[in-house]
Amino acid sequence: MGYIGTTVKKTNNGYYGYVNYRDGNGNRKQRKAKGRFKLKRDAKEAATKLKLELEESNIDFIDISFTNYYRKWFELYKANKVKSHSGKYQYELIGNYVEKYFKHAVCKIKLEK
């Protein structure tokens, strides 16, 4: 996950906290913190908590086998986007080759903070 920042937006009903970040593909994403707040500082606090949760969610990718990395990548980015059965079969076939030839390879992924 790339850049992570927080913003607060004011509406007629109160303040809302948001977290802006870039996903693994470089696309911009925005998540809204739960709740509507009367005070701006409360909305900022909720957005900061959500930011910390998002940063901590990537901790399991620090030291991972290449095979597991490929499987997680497929589940996150391709499983729902591939429409045909043959497309999913091709990704599974590639996964089998990755498992066969890169069984003991370990990826060390550096997290950006």
Foldseek 3Di string as FASTA:
>chain_A
DADKDKDWDADPVAIWIKIWDADPVRDIDIDTFDDGDRDRVVRPVSNVVVSVVVLVVCVVQQKAFPLVVLVVCCVPPPPVPDDDPVVVVVSVVVSVVCCVPRVPHMDGDDDDD
